[in-house]
Protein backbone atom coordinates (compact mmCIF):
# COMPACT_ATOMS: atom_id res chain seq x y z
CA UNK A 1 21.64 11.17 -8.37
CA UNK A 2 19.89 12.86 -5.47
CA UNK A 3 16.82 11.03 -4.17
CA UNK A 4 13.45 12.80 -4.34
CA UNK A 5 11.20 9.84 -5.07
CA UNK A 6 8.62 10.65 -2.37
CA UNK A 7 7.21 13.75 -0.70
CA UNK A 8 9.91 13.69 1.95
CA UNK A 9 12.31 14.95 -0.76
CA UNK A 10 15.44 14.11 1.21
CA UNK A 11 17.61 15.18 -1.76
CA UNK A 12 20.49 12.91 -0.68
CA UNK A 13 22.78 10.51 -2.47
CA UNK A 14 21.60 7.08 -1.47
CA UNK A 15 24.83 5.52 -2.71
CA UNK A 16 26.42 7.30 0.27
CA UNK A 17 23.74 7.48 2.95
CA UNK A 18 20.17 6.53 3.72
CA UNK A 19 17.00 8.63 3.64
CA UNK A 20 14.34 9.03 6.25
CA UNK A 21 12.88 5.88 4.71
CA UNK A 22 15.83 3.93 6.27
CA UNK A 23 16.94 2.83 2.83
CA UNK A 24 20.08 3.33 0.84
CA UNK A 25 20.29 2.47 -2.85
CA UNK A 26 20.38 -1.30 -2.35
CA UNK A 27 17.01 -3.05 -2.43
CA UNK A 28 16.40 -4.95 0.76
CA UNK A 29 13.61 -7.48 0.79
CA UNK A 30 12.13 -9.19 3.82
CA UNK A 31 9.61 -11.62 2.24
CA UNK A 32 8.84 -13.06 -1.24
CA UNK A 33 5.90 -15.42 -1.24
CA UNK A 34 2.31 -15.94 -2.25
CA UNK A 35 -0.02 -13.95 0.07
CA UNK A 36 -3.74 -14.71 0.62
CA UNK A 37 -4.86 -11.77 2.75
CA UNK A 38 -5.35 -9.08 0.13
CA UNK A 39 -8.75 -8.15 -1.26
CA UNK A 40 -10.47 -11.11 -3.13
CA UNK A 41 -9.74 -9.89 -6.69
CA UNK A 42 -6.08 -9.57 -5.78
CA UNK A 43 -5.51 -12.77 -3.75
CA UNK A 44 -7.85 -15.07 -5.69
CA UNK A 45 -7.37 -18.71 -5.03
CA UNK A 46 -3.64 -19.00 -5.75
CA UNK A 47 -2.41 -15.90 -3.87
CA UNK A 48 -0.79 -12.62 -4.74
CA UNK A 49 2.99 -12.84 -5.29
CA UNK A 50 4.15 -10.37 -2.68
CA UNK A 51 7.55 -8.72 -2.36
CA UNK A 52 7.89 -6.93 0.97
CA UNK A 53 10.59 -4.21 1.01
CA UNK A 54 12.26 -2.93 4.12
CA UNK A 55 11.97 0.75 5.10
CA UNK A 56 9.03 3.11 4.50
CA UNK A 57 8.47 6.74 3.52
CA UNK A 58 6.06 7.21 6.45
CA UNK A 59 6.82 6.76 10.12
CA UNK A 60 3.52 5.45 11.53
CA UNK A 61 3.52 4.89 15.27
CA UNK A 62 0.97 2.02 14.90
CA UNK A 63 2.75 0.22 12.08
CA UNK A 64 1.96 -3.48 12.05
CA UNK A 65 5.01 -4.16 9.95
CA UNK A 66 7.38 -2.16 12.22
CA UNK A 67 9.80 -5.11 12.24
CA UNK A 68 10.79 -4.21 8.72
CA UNK A 69 9.65 -0.64 8.17
CA UNK A 70 11.74 1.07 10.85
CA UNK A 71 15.21 -0.08 9.94
CA UNK A 72 17.55 -1.36 7.18
CA UNK A 73 16.79 -5.06 7.39
CA UNK A 74 16.22 -7.92 4.97
CA UNK A 75 18.37 -9.44 2.20
CA UNK A 76 19.99 -7.30 -0.46
CA UNK A 77 18.72 -7.94 -3.99
CA UNK A 78 19.96 -6.61 -7.33
CA UNK A 79 17.34 -6.02 -10.06
CA UNK A 80 18.49 -9.27 -11.75
CA UNK A 81 18.10 -11.26 -8.58
CA UNK A 82 14.58 -9.80 -8.01
CA UNK A 83 13.69 -10.57 -11.65
CA UNK A 84 14.70 -14.21 -11.04
CA UNK A 85 12.57 -14.27 -7.89
CA UNK A 86 9.57 -12.96 -9.82
CA UNK A 87 9.92 -15.74 -12.33
CA UNK A 88 9.75 -18.26 -9.50
CA UNK A 89 6.57 -16.66 -8.13
CA UNK A 90 5.02 -16.80 -11.64
CA UNK A 91 5.99 -20.47 -11.83
CA UNK A 92 4.20 -21.03 -8.52
CA UNK A 93 1.01 -19.73 -10.12
CA UNK A 94 0.39 -16.45 -8.37
CA UNK A 95 -2.29 -14.21 -9.86
CA UNK A 96 -0.09 -11.07 -9.78
CA UNK A 97 3.13 -9.59 -8.53
CA UNK A 98 2.61 -7.30 -5.57
CA UNK A 99 5.24 -4.82 -4.57
CA UNK A 100 4.59 -3.88 -0.89
CA UNK A 101 5.85 -0.52 0.48
CA UNK A 102 7.63 0.07 -2.84
CA UNK A 103 7.93 3.93 -2.92
CA UNK A 104 11.58 4.28 -2.01
CA UNK A 105 12.55 1.46 -4.34
CA UNK A 106 10.34 2.41 -7.25
CA UNK A 107 13.41 3.17 -9.50
CA UNK A 108 14.80 -0.26 -8.73
CA UNK A 109 11.41 -1.86 -9.49
CA UNK A 110 11.45 -0.23 -12.91
CA UNK A 111 14.97 -1.58 -13.55
CA UNK A 112 13.70 -5.05 -12.52
CA UNK A 113 10.71 -4.93 -14.77
CA UNK A 114 12.87 -3.83 -17.72
CA UNK A 115 14.79 -7.04 -17.19
CA UNK A 116 11.72 -9.30 -16.85
CA UNK A 117 8.07 -8.30 -17.30
CA UNK A 118 5.91 -10.99 -15.71
CA UNK A 119 2.85 -12.24 -17.70
CA UNK A 120 0.59 -11.29 -14.78
CA UNK A 121 -0.60 -7.90 -13.45
CA UNK A 122 1.87 -5.73 -11.49
CA UNK A 123 0.49 -4.37 -8.20
CA UNK A 124 1.96 -1.25 -6.56
CA UNK A 125 0.94 -1.49 -2.83
CA UNK A 126 1.58 1.97 -1.34
CA UNK A 127 0.90 4.12 1.67
CA UNK A 128 -0.54 6.85 -0.57
CA UNK A 129 2.22 9.24 0.33
CA UNK A 130 3.41 9.65 -3.20
CA UNK A 131 4.44 12.26 -5.72
CA UNK A 132 1.96 12.33 -8.63
CA UNK A 133 4.81 12.72 -11.18
CA UNK A 134 6.45 9.52 -9.84
CA UNK A 135 3.10 7.69 -10.13
CA UNK A 136 2.74 8.93 -13.73
CA UNK A 137 6.20 7.57 -14.57
CA UNK A 138 5.08 4.12 -13.31
CA UNK A 139 2.08 3.88 -15.60
CA UNK A 140 3.93 1.79 -18.25
CA UNK A 141 4.96 -0.76 -15.62
CA UNK A 142 2.05 -0.93 -13.07
CA UNK A 143 -1.41 -2.36 -13.79
CA UNK A 144 -2.99 -2.15 -10.35
CA UNK A 145 -2.57 0.50 -7.66
CA UNK A 146 -3.35 -0.74 -4.14
CA UNK A 147 -3.15 2.54 -2.25
CA UNK A 148 -3.85 3.62 1.30
CA UNK A 149 -5.91 6.72 2.13
CA UNK A 150 -4.98 7.06 5.80
CA UNK A 151 -5.90 10.63 6.68
CA UNK A 152 -8.35 13.28 5.64
CA UNK A 153 -6.78 15.60 8.19
CA UNK A 154 -3.12 16.63 8.13
CA UNK A 155 -3.18 17.15 11.87
CA UNK A 156 -3.68 13.43 12.26
CA UNK A 157 -0.97 12.60 9.70
CA UNK A 158 1.49 14.67 11.70
CA UNK A 159 0.36 13.10 14.98
CA UNK A 160 0.42 9.48 13.93
CA UNK A 161 2.80 9.32 10.95
CA UNK A 162 5.06 12.34 11.48
CA UNK A 163 4.59 13.71 7.98
CA UNK A 164 3.47 16.97 6.44
CA UNK A 165 0.85 17.51 3.70
CA UNK A 166 -0.24 13.89 3.60
CA UNK A 167 -3.79 14.81 2.33
CA UNK A 168 -2.41 17.01 -0.48
CA UNK A 169 -0.09 14.35 -1.81
CA UNK A 170 -2.55 11.53 -1.32
CA UNK A 171 -5.27 13.33 -3.17
CA UNK A 172 -3.03 14.28 -6.09
CA UNK A 173 -1.40 10.82 -6.44
CA UNK A 174 -4.72 8.93 -6.14
CA UNK A 175 -6.36 11.13 -8.69
CA UNK A 176 -3.49 10.36 -11.05
CA UNK A 177 -3.86 6.59 -10.46
CA UNK A 178 -7.59 6.64 -11.05
CA UNK A 179 -7.23 8.71 -14.22
CA UNK A 180 -5.07 6.08 -15.92
CA UNK A 181 -6.22 2.76 -14.49
CA UNK A 182 -10.01 2.15 -14.87
CA UNK A 183 -11.06 -1.26 -13.34
CA UNK A 184 -10.81 -4.25 -15.70
CA UNK A 185 -11.51 -7.86 -14.60
CA UNK A 186 -10.77 -11.20 -16.15
CA UNK A 187 -13.29 -13.99 -16.66
CA UNK A 188 -12.76 -15.25 -13.06
CA UNK A 189 -13.44 -11.84 -11.44
CA UNK A 190 -9.71 -11.15 -10.77
CA UNK A 191 -8.53 -7.58 -11.20
CA UNK A 192 -6.36 -7.06 -14.25
CA UNK A 193 -6.17 -3.33 -13.97
CA UNK A 194 -7.54 -0.71 -11.59
CA UNK A 195 -7.25 1.14 -8.33
CA UNK A 196 -8.21 -0.07 -4.83
CA UNK A 197 -8.26 2.64 -2.27
CA UNK A 198 -7.74 1.26 1.26
CA UNK A 199 -8.54 2.96 4.52
CA UNK A 200 -7.57 1.58 7.89
CA UNK A 201 -10.04 2.78 10.54
CA UNK A 202 -8.33 4.21 13.64
CA UNK A 203 -10.15 3.73 16.95
CA UNK A 204 -11.03 7.08 18.50
CA UNK A 205 -10.70 8.78 15.05
CA UNK A 206 -13.92 7.74 13.43
CA UNK A 207 -14.54 11.26 12.05
CA UNK A 208 -11.44 10.80 9.97
CA UNK A 209 -12.93 7.65 8.47
CA UNK A 210 -16.15 9.41 7.63
CA UNK A 211 -14.26 12.21 5.90
CA UNK A 212 -12.16 9.72 3.86
CA UNK A 213 -15.38 7.98 2.76
CA UNK A 214 -16.94 11.28 1.75
CA UNK A 215 -13.86 12.22 -0.26
CA UNK A 216 -13.81 8.85 -2.05
CA UNK A 217 -17.55 9.04 -2.74
CA UNK A 218 -17.36 12.57 -4.17
CA UNK A 219 -14.35 11.86 -6.38
CA UNK A 220 -13.88 8.25 -7.31
CA UNK A 221 -16.77 5.88 -6.27
CA UNK A 222 -17.66 5.09 -9.93
CA UNK A 223 -14.04 4.74 -11.03
CA UNK A 224 -12.20 2.86 -8.30
CA UNK A 225 -12.78 0.28 -5.57
CA UNK A 226 -12.96 1.13 -1.86
CA UNK A 227 -11.61 -1.16 0.90
CA UNK A 228 -12.58 -0.37 4.48
CA UNK A 229 -10.18 -2.11 6.88
CA UNK A 230 -10.82 -2.86 10.57
CA UNK A 231 -7.68 -4.80 11.36
CA UNK A 232 -6.08 -2.12 13.66
CA UNK A 233 -4.59 -3.37 16.88
CA UNK A 234 -2.17 -1.42 19.16
CA UNK A 235 1.15 -2.28 17.45
CA UNK A 236 4.63 -0.80 17.77
CA UNK A 237 4.36 2.50 19.67
CA UNK A 238 0.66 3.25 19.12
CA UNK A 239 -0.92 6.02 21.22
CA UNK A 240 -4.24 4.31 20.53
CA UNK A 241 -4.52 1.45 22.98
CA UNK A 242 -7.60 -0.49 21.81
CA UNK A 243 -9.19 -1.96 18.76
CA UNK A 244 -12.38 -0.61 17.07
CA UNK A 245 -15.63 -0.66 18.98
CA UNK A 246 -18.62 -2.19 17.24
CA UNK A 247 -20.36 1.17 17.27
CA UNK A 248 -17.47 2.73 15.34
CA UNK A 249 -17.55 -0.04 12.85
CA UNK A 250 -21.36 0.38 12.31
CA UNK A 251 -21.05 4.15 11.92
CA UNK A 252 -18.51 3.65 9.14
CA UNK A 253 -20.46 0.99 7.37
CA UNK A 254 -23.57 3.14 7.55
CA UNK A 255 -21.71 5.99 5.94
CA UNK A 256 -20.78 3.76 3.00
CA UNK A 257 -24.41 3.00 2.47
CA UNK A 258 -25.46 6.63 2.82
CA UNK A 259 -22.92 7.75 0.23
CA UNK A 260 -23.77 4.95 -2.26
CA UNK A 261 -20.29 3.38 -2.25
CA UNK A 262 -21.19 -0.05 -3.65
CA UNK A 263 -17.96 -1.09 -5.25
CA UNK A 264 -16.22 -1.89 -2.01
CA UNK A 265 -14.87 -4.40 0.41
CA UNK A 266 -15.45 -4.26 4.24
CA UNK A 267 -13.17 -6.21 6.51
CA UNK A 268 -14.81 -8.03 9.31
CA UNK A 269 -14.50 -6.54 12.82
CA UNK A 270 -12.91 -9.76 14.07
CA UNK A 271 -9.82 -9.12 11.86
CA UNK A 272 -8.17 -6.91 14.54
CA UNK A 273 -5.34 -9.30 15.46
CA UNK A 274 -1.81 -10.22 14.42
CA UNK A 275 -2.91 -12.87 11.91
CA UNK A 276 -2.59 -10.38 9.06
CA UNK A 277 1.08 -9.75 9.82
CA UNK A 278 3.13 -12.05 7.60
CA UNK A 279 6.33 -13.91 8.61
CA UNK A 280 9.26 -11.86 7.39
CA UNK A 281 11.55 -14.77 6.75
CA UNK A 282 14.20 -13.06 4.57
CA UNK A 283 16.10 -11.49 7.44
């Protein structure tokens, strides 16, 4: 089968070669462990059971996970092996199962969940560069979409992530997510179903952040959760050589207030360091 799982549409046989995502048809996983740095209704007190895949459908020059996103690394897993690993995470008491950078392995994730469906919510943690029809096919398997909204300007998507039509695909796929997954919480305030739209603020590109906030406010502020992230630091091959300035941070926070975005999380400015990058110990 030719692979067209993401907007790159490589149309190649991944049993023979790898796509621009640096992945062939074998799942490669770089970390399986509870994670405590997601938004509070995801991490809770016992952590989110994260599965970090290698490779990525984007090519962000500032990627904080470049160690695993830019090459075919990690341990190979079959769907059965991953199902067994998910059982172990559930036994550890995690609040959910969180598939991180899953797009290029979404077909293998479905195979895994057909073998074993955990009794906790399934989180699909994505860059936002998705095909809406692929997102729709995931509805029976995914409870929570944790999706990025990186760019409101395709010029920036091309400059920083080397991809075309990011805004078009992000708008369409996010709309599809929000349409099917209204927010539902349990008695402890943990998310059981819903969509969190994340935006990483880029220093020097504050206008992009303001436009993303405006888009979210106009379309989804009453139906999804917004997460404004300030953890950028100059990683990998970033052209941007500094962290956010306090004035940029304040401008973005003010825009949230102006647009009435109340259902949101705002990361502290002090988060701009490597502490949010996990140890990828399945090498």
